[in-house]
Each structure stands twice: as structure tokens, then as C-alpha cells.
C-alpha atoms as a PDB file:
ATOM      1  CA  MET A   1      -2.222 -24.733  10.784  1.00  0.00           C
ATOM      2  CA  LYS A   2      -1.181 -21.508  12.414  1.00  0.00           C
ATOM      3  CA  ALA A   3      -0.008 -23.121  15.519  1.00  0.00           C
ATOM      4  CA  VAL A   4       2.000 -25.634  13.735  1.00  0.00           C
ATOM      5  CA  LEU A   5       3.662 -23.274  11.376  1.00  0.00           C
ATOM      6  CA  LYS A   6       4.488 -21.163  14.452  1.00  0.00           C
ATOM      7  CA  ARG A   7       5.885 -23.782  16.173  1.00  0.00           C
ATOM      8  CA  ALA A   8       8.148 -24.463  13.216  1.00  0.00           C
ATOM      9  CA  GLY A   9       9.668 -21.223  13.198  1.00  0.00           C
ATOM     10  CA  PHE A  10       7.554 -19.478  10.597  1.00  0.00           C
ATOM     11  CA  GLU A  11       6.577 -15.706  11.162  1.00  0.00           C
ATOM     12  CA  LEU A  12       2.910 -15.390  10.666  1.00  0.00           C
ATOM     13  CA  LEU A  13       1.870 -11.713   9.752  1.00  0.00           C
ATOM     14  CA  ALA A  14      -1.404 -10.293  10.561  1.00  0.00           C
ATOM     15  CA  VAL A  15      -4.010  -9.763   7.828  1.00  0.00           C
ATOM     16  CA  GLN A  16      -6.911  -7.540   7.543  1.00  0.00           C
ATOM     17  CA  GLU A  17     -10.172  -9.470   6.798  1.00  0.00           C
ATOM     18  CA  SER A  18      -8.508 -12.718   7.325  1.00  0.00           C
ATOM     19  CA  THR A  19     -11.618 -14.684   7.489  1.00  0.00           C
ATOM     20  CA  ILE A  20     -13.257 -13.506   3.816  1.00  0.00           C
ATOM     21  CA  CYS A  21     -13.502 -16.011   1.229  1.00  0.00           C
ATOM     22  CA  CYS A  22     -11.125 -15.973  -1.745  1.00  0.00           C
ATOM     23  CA  GLY A  23     -14.102 -16.662  -4.366  1.00  0.00           C
ATOM     24  CA  SER A  24     -13.010 -20.305  -5.053  1.00  0.00           C
ATOM     25  CA  ALA A  25     -15.599 -21.681  -2.557  1.00  0.00           C
ATOM     26  CA  GLY A  26     -18.393 -23.868  -3.732  1.00  0.00           C
ATOM     27  CA  THR A  27     -19.452 -22.928  -7.224  1.00  0.00           C
ATOM     28  CA  TYR A  28     -18.557 -19.102  -7.361  1.00  0.00           C
ATOM     29  CA  SER A  29     -15.726 -19.423  -9.666  1.00  0.00           C
ATOM     30  CA  ILE A  30     -17.943 -21.599 -12.533  1.00  0.00           C
ATOM     31  CA  LEU A  31     -21.253 -20.064 -12.029  1.00  0.00           C
ATOM     32  CA  GLN A  32     -20.330 -16.389 -10.801  1.00  0.00           C
ATOM     33  CA  PRO A  33     -16.839 -15.786 -12.253  1.00  0.00           C
ATOM     34  CA  GLY A  34     -17.184 -11.995 -11.951  1.00  0.00           C
ATOM     35  CA  LEU A  35     -18.165 -12.154  -7.977  1.00  0.00           C
ATOM     36  CA  ALA A  36     -15.082 -14.915  -7.845  1.00  0.00           C
ATOM     37  CA  ARG A  37     -12.465 -12.519  -9.343  1.00  0.00           C
ATOM     38  CA  GLU A  38     -13.953  -9.567  -6.982  1.00  0.00           C
ATOM     39  CA  LEU A  39     -13.452 -11.797  -3.867  1.00  0.00           C
ATOM     40  CA  ARG A  40     -10.065 -13.141  -4.963  1.00  0.00           C
ATOM     41  CA  ASP A  41      -8.703  -9.582  -5.542  1.00  0.00           C
ATOM     42  CA  ARG A  42      -9.915  -8.383  -2.168  1.00  0.00           C
ATOM     43  CA  LYS A  43      -8.546 -10.970  -0.451  1.00  0.00           C
ATOM     44  CA  LEU A  44      -5.039 -10.755  -2.294  1.00  0.00           C
ATOM     45  CA  LYS A  45      -5.090  -7.056  -1.477  1.00  0.00           C
ATOM     46  CA  HIS A  46      -5.299  -7.963   2.125  1.00  0.00           C
ATOM     47  CA  LEU A  47      -3.014 -10.819   1.817  1.00  0.00           C
ATOM     48  CA  GLN A  48      -0.339  -9.113  -0.084  1.00  0.00           C
ATOM     49  CA  LEU A  49      -0.310  -5.773   1.808  1.00  0.00           C
ATOM     50  CA  PRO A  50       2.137  -6.908   4.746  1.00  0.00           C
ATOM     51  CA  GLU A  51       4.519  -7.734   2.092  1.00  0.00           C
ATOM     52  CA  PRO A  52       4.868 -11.504   3.033  1.00  0.00           C
ATOM     53  CA  GLU A  53       7.604 -13.765   1.246  1.00  0.00           C
ATOM     54  CA  VAL A  54       4.788 -16.605   0.418  1.00  0.00           C
ATOM     55  CA  ILE A  55       1.003 -16.819   1.207  1.00  0.00           C
ATOM     56  CA  ALA A  56       0.152 -20.216   2.698  1.00  0.00           C
ATOM     57  CA  THR A  57      -3.265 -21.970   2.649  1.00  0.00           C
ATOM     58  CA  ALA A  58      -4.460 -25.372   3.505  1.00  0.00           C
ATOM     59  CA  ASN A  59      -7.346 -25.242   0.896  1.00  0.00           C
ATOM     60  CA  ILE A  60      -6.168 -26.300  -2.553  1.00  0.00           C
ATOM     61  CA  GLY A  61      -8.819 -24.498  -4.226  1.00  0.00           C
ATOM     62  CA  CYS A  62      -8.109 -21.314  -2.723  1.00  0.00           C
ATOM     63  CA  LEU A  63      -4.376 -21.984  -3.508  1.00  0.00           C
ATOM     64  CA  THR A  64      -5.355 -22.402  -7.243  1.00  0.00           C
ATOM     65  CA  HIS A  65      -7.583 -19.608  -7.579  1.00  0.00           C
ATOM     66  CA  LEU A  66      -5.335 -17.016  -5.665  1.00  0.00           C
ATOM     67  CA  ASN A  67      -2.374 -18.155  -7.701  1.00  0.00           C
ATOM     68  CA  THR A  68      -3.911 -17.047 -10.882  1.00  0.00           C
ATOM     69  CA  ALA A  69      -3.514 -13.355  -9.758  1.00  0.00           C
ATOM     70  CA  SER A  70      -1.078 -13.196  -7.048  1.00  0.00           C
ATOM     71  CA  GLU A  71       2.343 -11.524  -7.417  1.00  0.00           C
ATOM     72  CA  ILE A  72       3.391 -13.624  -4.295  1.00  0.00           C
ATOM     73  CA  PRO A  73       3.691 -17.205  -4.453  1.00  0.00           C
ATOM     74  CA  VAL A  74       0.553 -19.047  -2.820  1.00  0.00           C
ATOM     75  CA  VAL A  75       1.841 -22.582  -1.609  1.00  0.00           C
ATOM     76  CA  HIS A  76       0.185 -25.327   0.693  1.00  0.00           C
ATOM     77  CA  TRP A  77       1.197 -24.949   4.100  1.00  0.00           C
ATOM     78  CA  LEU A  78       2.438 -28.576   4.445  1.00  0.00           C
ATOM     79  CA  ASN A  79       4.833 -27.603   1.556  1.00  0.00           C
ATOM     80  CA  LEU A  80       6.352 -25.001   3.858  1.00  0.00           C
ATOM     81  CA  LEU A  81       6.786 -27.832   6.690  1.00  0.00           C
ATOM     82  CA  GLU A  82       8.246 -30.158   4.006  1.00  0.00           C
ATOM     83  CA  ALA A  83      10.835 -27.390   2.867  1.00  0.00           C
ATOM     84  CA  GLY A  84      11.708 -26.151   6.384  1.00  0.00           C
END
């Protein structure tokens, strides 16, 4: 995903803790909503810090979960390619 977006001309910003889960994985969001919100908020803090125009993801679960609290639009990365 990253390499394709770079080749398409998108600027990718560095994000701290880029590998942490957003909280929508498995059954977190259903069975442990508090934990899911904590993970989501932690992930969003790091994703929004460099002030991107948009947040791209390859996971539809992450997209949906992050969009519930993000001030910045969260989109599927293929939508960026389609629009670009």
C-alpha cells in the first residue's frame, strides 16, 4: 500500500506507534468496547499529530472504527488512487 501510494505521488507522513491496533480487531469493539475506544483514541492521537489531509487504511474495520472519532477523514487507500 505505502509503495503504491508513494509511486502515485502521495506524500506519506511518519506516524509514531504505526503498528499498534486501532481497536476494531477481532472482537474488541463488541466484547471490550472500552478497550476498543482506548486503542482507537491512542491510534488517532498519533495519526492526527502530523496534521494529514486524510488518513488512509487498507482495513474496512479500521476505517469504520477510526471514522467514529476522527476529525480527519479516514478513507480506504484505493479510493485515493481512484480519485488521484
